[in-house]
Amino acid sequence: MNKKQEIENSISYLTCVINVLKTKINQNDDYNVAYNRLLIKRAELRKKLNQTGAGAVISLFKDNLKCFKFGNSKEKLICDYFNSIKL
């Protein structure tokens, strides 16, 4: 099994466990804590799955390009605010 398949299998397993715990959340605080931890773990695995392979390079560029300002955009950016403040 390759890395991508292992992550996909882990995600599907966590989804099944989360669905079971979802019905028991109100019964006990321990179930609620476990449910929240598993949701976080599943989100981390999904993010890792998105970053594996060639898609990682593309997503890295997309994230970094959002920081740059292109063209004559009239929209104000937070960096414009900080640039206007004189320290």
N, C-alpha and C. Protein backbone atom coordinates (compact mmCIF):
# COMPACT_ATOMS: atom_id res chain seq x y z
N MET A 1 0.83 -1.17 0.00
CA MET A 1 0.00 0.00 0.00
C MET A 1 0.88 1.25 0.00
N ASN A 2 0.52 2.20 -0.81
CA ASN A 2 1.30 3.43 -0.82
C ASN A 2 0.76 4.40 0.23
N LYS A 3 1.45 5.49 0.39
CA LYS A 3 1.15 6.47 1.44
C LYS A 3 -0.25 7.06 1.27
N LYS A 4 -0.62 7.35 0.03
CA LYS A 4 -1.92 7.96 -0.23
C LYS A 4 -3.06 7.01 0.16
N GLN A 5 -2.92 5.74 -0.17
CA GLN A 5 -3.95 4.77 0.18
C GLN A 5 -4.06 4.58 1.69
N GLU A 6 -2.92 4.61 2.38
CA GLU A 6 -2.94 4.48 3.84
C GLU A 6 -3.69 5.64 4.48
N ILE A 7 -3.45 6.84 3.97
CA ILE A 7 -4.14 8.01 4.50
C ILE A 7 -5.64 7.92 4.22
N GLU A 8 -6.00 7.51 3.00
CA GLU A 8 -7.42 7.37 2.65
C GLU A 8 -8.10 6.34 3.52
N ASN A 9 -7.43 5.22 3.79
CA ASN A 9 -8.00 4.19 4.66
C ASN A 9 -8.17 4.70 6.09
N SER A 10 -7.21 5.47 6.56
CA SER A 10 -7.30 6.03 7.90
C SER A 10 -8.46 7.02 7.99
N ILE A 11 -8.64 7.81 6.97
CA ILE A 11 -9.74 8.77 6.95
C ILE A 11 -11.08 8.05 6.97
N SER A 12 -11.22 7.01 6.17
CA SER A 12 -12.49 6.28 6.14
C SER A 12 -12.76 5.58 7.47
N TYR A 13 -11.72 5.05 8.11
CA TYR A 13 -11.88 4.42 9.42
C TYR A 13 -12.32 5.46 10.46
N LEU A 14 -11.65 6.61 10.45
CA LEU A 14 -12.01 7.66 11.40
C LEU A 14 -13.43 8.16 11.17
N THR A 15 -13.85 8.22 9.92
CA THR A 15 -15.21 8.66 9.61
C THR A 15 -16.23 7.70 10.20
N CYS A 16 -15.96 6.40 10.11
CA CYS A 16 -16.87 5.41 10.70
C CYS A 16 -16.93 5.55 12.22
N VAL A 17 -15.78 5.71 12.86
CA VAL A 17 -15.74 5.85 14.31
C VAL A 17 -16.44 7.15 14.74
N ILE A 18 -16.23 8.21 13.98
CA ILE A 18 -16.88 9.49 14.30
C ILE A 18 -18.39 9.37 14.20
N ASN A 19 -18.88 8.65 13.20
CA ASN A 19 -20.33 8.47 13.05
C ASN A 19 -20.91 7.71 14.23
N VAL A 20 -20.18 6.74 14.75
CA VAL A 20 -20.65 5.99 15.91
C VAL A 20 -20.66 6.89 17.15
N LEU A 21 -19.59 7.65 17.33
CA LEU A 21 -19.50 8.53 18.50
C LEU A 21 -20.50 9.68 18.44
N LYS A 22 -20.89 10.07 17.24
CA LYS A 22 -21.82 11.19 17.09
C LYS A 22 -23.14 10.92 17.81
N THR A 23 -23.56 9.66 17.83
CA THR A 23 -24.82 9.31 18.49
C THR A 23 -24.67 9.28 20.01
N LYS A 24 -23.44 9.20 20.52
CA LYS A 24 -23.21 9.07 21.96
C LYS A 24 -22.63 10.32 22.61
N ILE A 25 -22.55 11.41 21.87
CA ILE A 25 -21.90 12.62 22.38
C ILE A 25 -22.56 13.12 23.67
N ASN A 26 -23.89 13.11 23.72
CA ASN A 26 -24.60 13.66 24.87
C ASN A 26 -24.62 12.74 26.08
N GLN A 27 -24.21 11.50 25.93
CA GLN A 27 -24.26 10.54 27.02
C GLN A 27 -23.14 10.74 28.02
N ASN A 28 -21.96 11.10 27.54
CA ASN A 28 -20.80 11.17 28.43
C ASN A 28 -19.81 12.20 27.88
N ASP A 29 -19.14 12.89 28.78
CA ASP A 29 -18.15 13.88 28.36
C ASP A 29 -16.95 13.23 27.69
N ASP A 30 -16.62 12.00 28.09
CA ASP A 30 -15.49 11.30 27.46
C ASP A 30 -15.74 11.04 25.98
N TYR A 31 -16.98 10.72 25.64
CA TYR A 31 -17.34 10.53 24.24
C TYR A 31 -17.18 11.84 23.47
N ASN A 32 -17.58 12.92 24.10
CA ASN A 32 -17.47 14.22 23.45
C ASN A 32 -16.00 14.59 23.20
N VAL A 33 -15.14 14.35 24.17
CA VAL A 33 -13.71 14.64 24.02
C VAL A 33 -13.11 13.77 22.93
N ALA A 34 -13.45 12.49 22.93
CA ALA A 34 -12.93 11.58 21.91
C ALA A 34 -13.41 11.98 20.52
N TYR A 35 -14.67 12.38 20.43
CA TYR A 35 -15.25 12.82 19.16
C TYR A 35 -14.49 14.02 18.62
N ASN A 36 -14.24 15.00 19.46
CA ASN A 36 -13.52 16.21 19.03
C ASN A 36 -12.10 15.89 18.61
N ARG A 37 -11.42 15.03 19.34
CA ARG A 37 -10.05 14.65 18.98
C ARG A 37 -10.00 13.94 17.64
N LEU A 38 -10.98 13.07 17.41
CA LEU A 38 -11.00 12.34 16.14
C LEU A 38 -11.32 13.27 14.97
N LEU A 39 -12.17 14.26 15.20
CA LEU A 39 -12.45 15.24 14.14
C LEU A 39 -11.18 16.00 13.76
N ILE A 40 -10.40 16.37 14.76
CA ILE A 40 -9.15 17.09 14.50
C ILE A 40 -8.17 16.18 13.76
N LYS A 41 -8.07 14.94 14.19
CA LYS A 41 -7.16 13.98 13.55
C LYS A 41 -7.55 13.76 12.09
N ARG A 42 -8.86 13.64 11.84
CA ARG A 42 -9.33 13.44 10.47
C ARG A 42 -9.03 14.66 9.61
N ALA A 43 -9.19 15.86 10.17
CA ALA A 43 -8.88 17.08 9.43
C ALA A 43 -7.40 17.14 9.09
N GLU A 44 -6.55 16.73 10.04
CA GLU A 44 -5.10 16.71 9.77
C GLU A 44 -4.78 15.73 8.65
N LEU A 45 -5.42 14.57 8.67
CA LEU A 45 -5.17 13.58 7.62
C LEU A 45 -5.65 14.07 6.26
N ARG A 46 -6.79 14.74 6.23
CA ARG A 46 -7.29 15.29 4.96
C ARG A 46 -6.34 16.34 4.41
N LYS A 47 -5.81 17.16 5.30
CA LYS A 47 -4.85 18.18 4.85
C LYS A 47 -3.59 17.52 4.32
N LYS A 48 -3.13 16.47 5.01
CA LYS A 48 -1.93 15.76 4.56
C LYS A 48 -2.19 15.09 3.21
N LEU A 49 -3.39 14.56 3.02
CA LEU A 49 -3.74 13.93 1.75
C LEU A 49 -3.73 14.95 0.62
N ASN A 50 -4.22 16.14 0.90
CA ASN A 50 -4.22 17.19 -0.13
C ASN A 50 -2.81 17.65 -0.47
N GLN A 51 -1.89 17.52 0.48
CA GLN A 51 -0.53 17.99 0.26
C GLN A 51 0.38 16.93 -0.34
N THR A 52 -0.07 15.71 -0.46
CA THR A 52 0.78 14.66 -1.03
C THR A 52 0.78 14.76 -2.54
N GLY A 53 1.87 14.35 -3.12
CA GLY A 53 1.97 14.29 -4.58
C GLY A 53 2.22 15.64 -5.22
N ALA A 54 1.88 15.72 -6.49
CA ALA A 54 2.13 16.93 -7.27
C ALA A 54 1.22 18.07 -6.85
N GLY A 55 0.10 17.75 -6.25
CA GLY A 55 -0.81 18.79 -5.79
C GLY A 55 -0.22 19.65 -4.71
N ALA A 56 0.78 19.14 -4.01
CA ALA A 56 1.40 19.91 -2.92
C ALA A 56 2.09 21.15 -3.45
N VAL A 57 2.78 21.01 -4.56
CA VAL A 57 3.49 22.16 -5.14
C VAL A 57 2.49 23.20 -5.62
N ILE A 58 1.43 22.75 -6.26
CA ILE A 58 0.42 23.68 -6.78
C ILE A 58 -0.28 24.40 -5.64
N SER A 59 -0.66 23.67 -4.59
CA SER A 59 -1.34 24.31 -3.47
C SER A 59 -0.42 25.28 -2.74
N LEU A 60 0.86 24.97 -2.70
CA LEU A 60 1.82 25.88 -2.08
C LEU A 60 1.88 27.20 -2.83
N PHE A 61 1.92 27.13 -4.17
CA PHE A 61 1.94 28.34 -4.97
C PHE A 61 0.64 29.12 -4.85
N LYS A 62 -0.49 28.42 -4.82
CA LYS A 62 -1.77 29.10 -4.69
C LYS A 62 -1.86 29.84 -3.37
N ASP A 63 -1.41 29.22 -2.29
CA ASP A 63 -1.44 29.86 -0.98
C ASP A 63 -0.53 31.08 -0.95
N ASN A 64 0.64 30.98 -1.56
CA ASN A 64 1.57 32.09 -1.54
C ASN A 64 1.15 33.22 -2.47
N LEU A 65 0.45 32.91 -3.56
CA LEU A 65 0.02 33.94 -4.50
C LEU A 65 -1.07 34.82 -3.92
N LYS A 66 -1.80 34.31 -2.92
CA LYS A 66 -2.85 35.10 -2.30
C LYS A 66 -2.27 36.30 -1.57
N CYS A 67 -1.01 36.22 -1.18
CA CYS A 67 -0.37 37.30 -0.44
C CYS A 67 -0.01 38.48 -1.32
N PHE A 68 0.15 38.25 -2.60
CA PHE A 68 0.56 39.31 -3.51
C PHE A 68 -0.65 40.07 -4.05
N LYS A 69 -0.43 41.30 -4.38
CA LYS A 69 -1.49 42.15 -4.91
C LYS A 69 -1.23 42.36 -6.40
N PHE A 70 -2.16 41.96 -7.25
CA PHE A 70 -2.01 42.08 -8.69
C PHE A 70 -2.98 43.11 -9.23
N GLY A 71 -2.52 43.88 -10.20
CA GLY A 71 -3.39 44.83 -10.89
C GLY A 71 -3.76 46.02 -10.04
N ASN A 72 -4.78 46.72 -10.48
CA ASN A 72 -5.25 47.90 -9.77
C ASN A 72 -6.48 47.57 -8.94
N SER A 73 -6.31 46.69 -8.04
CA SER A 73 -7.42 46.28 -7.19
C SER A 73 -7.74 47.39 -6.20
N LYS A 74 -8.99 47.76 -6.08
CA LYS A 74 -9.41 48.81 -5.16
C LYS A 74 -9.65 48.26 -3.76
N GLU A 75 -9.55 46.99 -3.60
CA GLU A 75 -9.84 46.38 -2.31
C GLU A 75 -8.69 46.64 -1.35
N LYS A 76 -9.04 47.01 -0.13
CA LYS A 76 -8.02 47.31 0.88
C LYS A 76 -7.55 46.02 1.52
N LEU A 77 -6.27 45.93 1.71
CA LEU A 77 -5.67 44.78 2.36
C LEU A 77 -5.19 45.17 3.74
N ILE A 78 -5.07 44.21 4.62
CA ILE A 78 -4.61 44.49 5.97
C ILE A 78 -3.19 45.04 5.97
N CYS A 79 -2.38 44.63 5.01
CA CYS A 79 -1.01 45.15 4.95
C CYS A 79 -1.01 46.64 4.62
N ASP A 80 -2.03 47.13 3.89
CA ASP A 80 -2.13 48.56 3.61
C ASP A 80 -2.33 49.36 4.89
N TYR A 81 -3.11 48.82 5.78
CA TYR A 81 -3.35 49.47 7.07
C TYR A 81 -2.06 49.61 7.86
N PHE A 82 -1.31 48.52 7.94
CA PHE A 82 -0.08 48.54 8.71
C PHE A 82 1.00 49.41 8.06
N ASN A 83 0.98 49.49 6.73
CA ASN A 83 1.94 50.35 6.04
C ASN A 83 1.64 51.83 6.28
N SER A 84 0.38 52.16 6.52
CA SER A 84 0.01 53.56 6.72
C SER A 84 0.29 54.03 8.14
N ILE A 85 0.47 53.12 9.08
CA ILE A 85 0.76 53.49 10.47
C ILE A 85 2.24 53.81 10.59
N LYS A 86 2.50 54.93 11.20
CA LYS A 86 3.89 55.33 11.40
C LYS A 86 4.28 54.96 12.82
N LEU A 87 5.28 54.12 12.94
CA LEU A 87 5.72 53.67 14.26
C LEU A 87 6.78 54.53 14.82
